[in-house]
Amino acid sequence: MSRMYLPTTHTMRCFQVSAKHLSFTLAAEELNLTQSAISKQVALLESSLQVQLFVRHRQKLELSPAGSTYLSHVNSILRRIEETSKEMLSYGAFEEVIKIASHPSLCSSWLVQALKGFTAHYGDIQLSFYEQIMPDDPSEVDADVSFVYGYGGWHDMEAVELFDEEMIPVCHPDILANNAGKEEIDIYFTTRLIECRSRLNSWDQFFGRFHQIYPNGYRSLLFERWSSCISAAKTGCGLALVPKILVESELEKGALVPASSHRLNGLGAYYMTYLKSHSAEPKVKMVRDWILGSLNKEYVAS
């Protein structure tokens, strides 16, 4: 078995700060060490890696190509260690921590409300949310429970279907007011259409479902996230075709209004997922039962 080389965080930190300042002297001042101690740590690191991390000039340092590559990894590693350590500090006051992963828009618009009262009911449990763009396979997510959009049938995963996706065209109230008296289809031809990359061609499907011709040239706003689509619609940038579950609050407040009575049912649904091997764990059952209770549904094992 080959010997692993794992530099200490102290050594990586010496390299990181030296790269930040491109100076061993300034790195020593920041870390409250001597210049020779910093230089020695970096030299030992270079010797162990068998690569030159810095090009040494008379008055300054310069990162080598290998040093630039190594720095990006060191930054990521040290940042991850810091984040994890801070997270561990928060564990002390709780008997159990439940890691929950969800798309940011779904988390802010629905999940937080669905879990309202959970921590008050289970006072010794902390919910730790991880908002992220979810992969196609939820088993790749480092979480106890994940909330995803998809089609079910994931290998080794329990997938509890929560609700179907209903897409609704929405806009700022002024857009409808400014187009009063026009035929609905005419509004689509004269207003910018907003779309999310995770549901490309949703407008095509919307128009096709109702036997209308897509107004070519008017899909001028394409965003990475639903939250940006919704924000653009709220500021009057155009019509957004979005999952209704994500804009319930905006519709209730009048910040957005339905631009049509038509709806588009998505091909997928929203699921609560977790590893089948963890389905009997108390913390998984707590979240599952709470969520299903909020939806007035009963659990049926898949």
Protein backbone atom coordinates (compact mmCIF):
# COMPACT_ATOMS: atom_id res chain seq x y z
CA MET A 1 0.00 0.00 0.00
CA SER A 2 1.48 3.35 -1.03
CA ARG A 3 2.08 5.96 1.64
CA MET A 4 -0.39 8.85 1.65
CA TYR A 5 0.91 12.38 1.90
CA LEU A 6 -1.43 14.62 3.84
CA PRO A 7 0.04 18.04 4.64
CA THR A 8 -1.13 19.64 7.86
CA THR A 9 -3.62 22.48 7.81
CA HIS A 10 -0.82 24.63 9.27
CA THR A 11 1.38 23.93 6.25
CA MET A 12 -1.47 24.56 3.81
CA ARG A 13 -2.30 27.79 5.59
CA CYS A 14 1.31 28.98 5.32
CA PHE A 15 1.22 28.31 1.58
CA GLN A 16 -2.21 29.93 1.17
CA VAL A 17 -1.26 33.18 2.91
CA SER A 18 2.10 33.32 1.12
CA ALA A 19 0.22 33.04 -2.17
CA LYS A 20 -2.21 35.74 -1.04
CA HIS A 21 0.58 38.26 -0.40
CA LEU A 22 3.20 36.80 -2.76
CA SER A 23 5.56 37.41 0.11
CA PHE A 24 6.87 35.20 2.92
CA THR A 25 7.48 38.31 5.03
CA LEU A 26 3.90 39.57 4.79
CA ALA A 27 2.57 36.05 5.32
CA ALA A 28 4.65 35.82 8.49
CA GLU A 29 3.18 39.09 9.76
CA GLU A 30 -0.40 37.92 9.17
CA LEU A 31 0.14 34.52 10.80
CA ASN A 32 2.32 35.90 13.61
CA LEU A 33 5.23 33.65 12.66
CA THR A 34 8.79 34.30 11.54
CA GLN A 35 9.66 34.70 7.90
CA SER A 36 12.00 31.73 8.08
CA ALA A 37 9.25 29.53 9.57
CA ILE A 38 6.92 30.35 6.69
CA SER A 39 9.65 29.81 4.11
CA LYS A 40 10.57 26.46 5.68
CA GLN A 41 6.96 25.22 5.66
CA VAL A 42 6.54 26.10 1.98
CA ALA A 43 9.89 24.51 1.09
CA LEU A 44 8.92 21.30 2.90
CA LEU A 45 5.61 21.28 1.05
CA GLU A 46 7.36 21.70 -2.30
CA SER A 47 9.80 18.94 -1.42
CA SER A 48 7.02 16.57 -0.43
CA LEU A 49 4.98 17.32 -3.55
CA GLN A 50 8.12 17.30 -5.70
CA VAL A 51 6.98 20.40 -7.51
CA GLN A 52 7.85 24.09 -7.36
CA LEU A 53 4.89 26.12 -6.09
CA PHE A 54 6.55 29.55 -6.27
CA VAL A 55 8.99 31.18 -8.63
CA ARG A 56 11.30 33.14 -6.35
CA HIS A 57 12.45 36.55 -7.57
CA ARG A 58 14.71 38.89 -5.62
CA GLN A 59 11.93 41.17 -4.37
CA LYS A 60 8.79 39.04 -4.68
CA LEU A 61 7.23 35.66 -5.22
CA GLU A 62 5.28 34.46 -8.23
CA LEU A 63 2.98 31.45 -8.27
CA SER A 64 4.06 28.74 -10.68
CA PRO A 65 1.38 27.07 -12.86
CA ALA A 66 1.42 24.13 -10.44
CA GLY A 67 1.17 26.54 -7.53
CA SER A 68 -1.91 28.22 -8.99
CA THR A 69 -3.61 24.86 -9.45
CA TYR A 70 -2.68 23.71 -5.96
CA LEU A 71 -3.87 27.00 -4.44
CA SER A 72 -7.40 26.59 -5.83
CA HIS A 73 -7.64 23.17 -4.19
CA VAL A 74 -6.12 24.35 -0.91
CA ASN A 75 -8.59 27.27 -0.76
CA SER A 76 -11.49 24.87 -1.26
CA ILE A 77 -10.19 22.37 1.31
CA LEU A 78 -9.55 24.96 4.02
CA ARG A 79 -12.89 26.65 3.38
CA ARG A 80 -14.67 23.31 3.69
CA ILE A 81 -12.84 22.49 6.93
CA GLU A 82 -13.81 25.88 8.36
CA GLU A 83 -17.47 25.50 7.35
CA THR A 84 -17.68 21.98 8.75
CA SER A 85 -16.01 23.01 12.01
CA LYS A 86 -18.48 25.88 12.46
CA GLU A 87 -21.31 23.45 11.78
CA MET A 88 -19.97 21.05 14.40
CA LEU A 89 -19.92 23.86 16.96
CA SER A 90 -23.67 24.27 16.50
CA TYR A 91 -24.28 20.59 17.20
CA GLY A 92 -23.42 20.84 20.86
CA ALA A 93 -26.77 22.23 21.99
CA PHE A 94 -28.79 19.56 20.18
CA GLU A 95 -29.18 15.83 20.58
CA GLU A 96 -29.80 15.34 16.86
CA VAL A 97 -29.16 17.27 13.65
CA ILE A 98 -31.17 16.51 10.51
CA LYS A 99 -29.59 17.51 7.22
CA ILE A 100 -32.17 18.59 4.63
CA ALA A 101 -31.34 19.38 1.00
CA SER A 102 -33.58 21.27 -1.39
CA HIS A 103 -33.55 23.56 -4.39
CA PRO A 104 -33.27 27.16 -3.05
CA SER A 105 -36.58 28.32 -4.54
CA LEU A 106 -38.52 25.32 -3.23
CA CYS A 107 -36.95 25.76 0.19
CA SER A 108 -37.83 29.43 0.58
CA SER A 109 -41.29 29.28 -1.00
CA TRP A 110 -42.67 26.01 0.40
CA LEU A 111 -40.39 23.84 2.53
CA VAL A 112 -39.73 26.37 5.30
CA GLN A 113 -43.47 26.91 5.71
CA ALA A 114 -44.16 23.16 5.60
CA LEU A 115 -41.69 22.57 8.43
CA LYS A 116 -42.95 25.48 10.52
CA GLY A 117 -43.32 24.36 14.12
CA PHE A 118 -41.09 21.29 13.69
CA THR A 119 -38.24 22.52 15.89
CA ALA A 120 -40.68 23.85 18.49
CA HIS A 121 -42.27 20.40 18.66
CA TYR A 122 -38.92 18.59 18.70
CA GLY A 123 -36.92 20.96 20.87
CA ASP A 124 -33.76 18.85 20.95
CA ILE A 125 -33.44 18.59 17.16
CA GLN A 126 -31.79 21.03 14.78
CA LEU A 127 -32.72 21.27 11.11
CA SER A 128 -29.70 22.06 8.93
CA PHE A 129 -30.76 23.18 5.44
CA TYR A 130 -28.58 22.81 2.37
CA GLU A 131 -29.96 24.88 -0.50
CA GLN A 132 -28.47 23.77 -3.80
CA ILE A 133 -29.16 22.96 -7.41
CA MET A 134 -30.15 19.34 -7.03
CA PRO A 135 -28.48 16.65 -9.17
CA ASP A 136 -30.56 14.27 -11.28
CA ASP A 137 -29.77 11.47 -8.82
CA PRO A 138 -30.66 12.45 -5.21
CA SER A 139 -28.44 9.66 -3.85
CA GLU A 140 -25.50 11.94 -4.70
CA VAL A 141 -26.67 14.50 -2.14
CA ASP A 142 -25.11 14.45 1.33
CA ALA A 143 -28.33 14.81 3.31
CA ASP A 144 -30.69 12.79 5.49
CA VAL A 145 -33.73 13.92 3.50
CA SER A 146 -33.87 15.65 0.11
CA PHE A 147 -36.71 17.45 -1.65
CA VAL A 148 -36.40 17.16 -5.41
CA TYR A 149 -38.24 17.52 -8.68
CA GLY A 150 -38.09 14.49 -10.94
CA TYR A 151 -39.73 11.33 -12.13
CA GLY A 152 -39.11 8.88 -9.27
CA GLY A 153 -37.59 5.44 -9.57
CA TRP A 154 -34.16 6.34 -8.18
CA HIS A 155 -31.98 3.34 -7.32
CA ASP A 156 -31.74 2.55 -3.58
CA MET A 157 -33.85 5.62 -2.78
CA GLU A 158 -37.26 5.86 -1.14
CA ALA A 159 -39.18 8.47 -3.14
CA VAL A 160 -42.35 9.79 -1.51
CA GLU A 161 -44.40 11.74 -4.04
CA LEU A 162 -45.64 15.01 -2.56
CA PHE A 163 -47.46 16.81 -5.37
CA ASP A 164 -47.50 17.18 -9.14
CA GLU A 165 -46.05 20.21 -10.82
CA GLU A 166 -48.48 22.80 -12.15
CA MET A 167 -46.93 25.54 -14.25
CA ILE A 168 -48.63 28.92 -14.36
CA PRO A 169 -47.86 32.04 -16.43
CA VAL A 170 -47.52 35.07 -14.14
CA CYS A 171 -46.64 38.73 -14.51
CA HIS A 172 -46.70 42.09 -12.77
CA PRO A 173 -50.27 43.50 -12.52
CA ASP A 174 -49.30 46.49 -14.69
CA ILE A 175 -48.66 44.24 -17.68
CA LEU A 176 -52.26 43.04 -17.71
CA ALA A 177 -53.54 46.55 -17.04
CA ASN A 178 -51.53 47.95 -19.95
CA ASN A 179 -52.89 45.24 -22.24
CA ALA A 180 -56.52 45.48 -21.17
CA GLY A 181 -58.94 44.54 -23.93
CA LYS A 182 -56.39 42.55 -25.93
CA GLU A 183 -56.75 38.89 -26.80
CA GLU A 184 -54.68 36.73 -24.48
CA ILE A 185 -52.48 35.42 -27.27
CA ASP A 186 -51.70 38.98 -28.38
CA ILE A 187 -50.20 39.71 -24.96
CA TYR A 188 -47.73 36.87 -25.43
CA PHE A 189 -46.70 38.27 -28.80
CA THR A 190 -45.99 41.74 -27.39
CA THR A 191 -44.44 40.84 -24.02
CA ARG A 192 -41.07 39.30 -23.23
CA LEU A 193 -41.21 35.69 -22.11
CA ILE A 194 -39.14 34.52 -19.14
CA GLU A 195 -37.84 30.96 -18.87
CA CYS A 196 -35.70 28.85 -16.53
CA ARG A 197 -32.90 26.62 -17.80
CA SER A 198 -34.18 23.71 -15.72
CA ARG A 199 -37.41 23.70 -17.76
CA LEU A 200 -36.25 24.65 -21.22
CA ASN A 201 -38.98 24.60 -23.85
CA SER A 202 -41.72 24.94 -21.24
CA TRP A 203 -43.20 27.86 -23.18
CA ASP A 204 -43.21 25.75 -26.34
CA GLN A 205 -45.11 23.06 -24.46
CA PHE A 206 -47.50 25.65 -23.03
CA PHE A 207 -48.44 27.03 -26.44
CA GLY A 208 -48.50 23.58 -28.03
CA ARG A 209 -50.87 22.27 -25.38
CA PHE A 210 -53.40 24.93 -26.33
CA HIS A 211 -52.77 24.72 -30.07
CA GLN A 212 -51.18 28.13 -30.27
CA ILE A 213 -48.13 29.14 -32.28
CA TYR A 214 -45.07 30.04 -30.23
CA PRO A 215 -44.20 33.74 -30.73
CA ASN A 216 -40.66 33.29 -32.05
CA GLY A 217 -38.14 35.88 -30.99
CA TYR A 218 -39.76 36.88 -27.73
CA ARG A 219 -37.98 34.49 -25.35
CA SER A 220 -35.46 37.12 -24.37
CA LEU A 221 -34.90 36.34 -20.70
CA LEU A 222 -33.37 33.02 -19.68
CA PHE A 223 -32.31 32.45 -16.06
CA GLU A 224 -30.49 29.76 -14.11
CA ARG A 225 -32.87 29.75 -11.16
CA TRP A 226 -36.58 30.06 -10.56
CA SER A 227 -36.01 32.81 -8.01
CA SER A 228 -34.50 35.01 -10.73
CA CYS A 229 -37.41 34.26 -13.08
CA ILE A 230 -39.86 35.24 -10.36
CA SER A 231 -37.93 38.42 -9.49
CA ALA A 232 -37.86 39.43 -13.16
CA ALA A 233 -41.62 38.94 -13.43
CA LYS A 234 -42.22 40.95 -10.23
CA THR A 235 -40.27 43.88 -11.65
CA GLY A 236 -42.37 43.87 -14.82
CA CYS A 237 -39.76 42.41 -17.17
CA GLY A 238 -42.22 40.04 -18.80
CA LEU A 239 -44.28 36.87 -18.45
CA ALA A 240 -42.79 33.98 -16.49
CA LEU A 241 -43.98 30.39 -16.72
CA VAL A 242 -43.19 29.00 -13.28
CA PRO A 243 -44.28 26.22 -10.89
CA LYS A 244 -47.34 27.52 -9.04
CA ILE A 245 -46.02 26.19 -5.72
CA LEU A 246 -43.16 28.71 -5.94
CA VAL A 247 -45.35 31.81 -6.33
CA GLU A 248 -48.26 31.13 -3.97
CA SER A 249 -47.16 33.94 -1.64
CA GLU A 250 -46.67 36.47 -4.46
CA LEU A 251 -50.10 35.64 -5.88
CA GLU A 252 -51.76 36.05 -2.48
CA LYS A 253 -50.07 39.43 -1.93
CA GLY A 254 -50.85 40.64 -5.45
CA ALA A 255 -47.19 41.12 -6.35
CA LEU A 256 -47.87 38.78 -9.26
CA VAL A 257 -51.08 37.89 -11.08
CA PRO A 258 -51.99 34.96 -13.33
CA ALA A 259 -51.54 35.99 -16.95
CA SER A 260 -53.87 33.26 -18.16
CA SER A 261 -56.47 30.78 -17.00
CA HIS A 262 -54.46 28.08 -18.75
CA ARG A 263 -52.07 25.85 -16.82
CA LEU A 264 -49.37 23.42 -17.88
CA ASN A 265 -49.00 20.18 -15.97
CA GLY A 266 -45.35 19.19 -15.73
CA LEU A 267 -44.14 15.73 -16.65
CA GLY A 268 -42.53 15.22 -13.26
CA ALA A 269 -43.49 15.73 -9.63
CA TYR A 270 -41.96 16.86 -6.36
CA TYR A 271 -40.59 14.13 -4.12
CA MET A 272 -39.20 13.68 -0.63
CA THR A 273 -36.30 11.25 -0.94
CA TYR A 274 -33.93 9.39 1.36
CA LEU A 275 -31.92 6.17 1.27
CA LYS A 276 -34.07 3.07 1.62
CA SER A 277 -31.59 1.76 4.17
CA HIS A 278 -32.36 4.82 6.33
CA SER A 279 -36.16 4.71 6.05
CA ALA A 280 -36.57 3.34 9.59
CA GLU A 281 -34.32 5.95 11.21
CA PRO A 282 -36.29 8.06 13.70
CA LYS A 283 -35.10 11.40 12.29
CA VAL A 284 -36.15 10.42 8.77
CA LYS A 285 -39.55 9.25 10.00
CA MET A 286 -40.02 12.50 11.93
CA VAL A 287 -39.51 14.66 8.84
CA ARG A 288 -41.50 12.32 6.60
CA ASP A 289 -44.49 12.19 8.93
CA TRP A 290 -44.41 15.95 9.51
CA ILE A 291 -44.32 16.79 5.81
CA LEU A 292 -47.04 14.30 4.91
CA GLY A 293 -49.13 15.61 7.80
CA SER A 294 -48.83 19.14 6.42
CA LEU A 295 -50.16 17.81 3.10
CA ASN A 296 -52.82 15.62 4.73
CA LYS A 297 -51.28 12.55 3.13
CA GLU A 298 -50.52 9.09 4.47
CA TYR A 299 -47.21 7.31 4.00
CA VAL A 300 -47.19 4.35 1.64
CA ALA A 301 -43.84 2.55 1.33
CA SER A 302 -42.57 2.25 -2.24
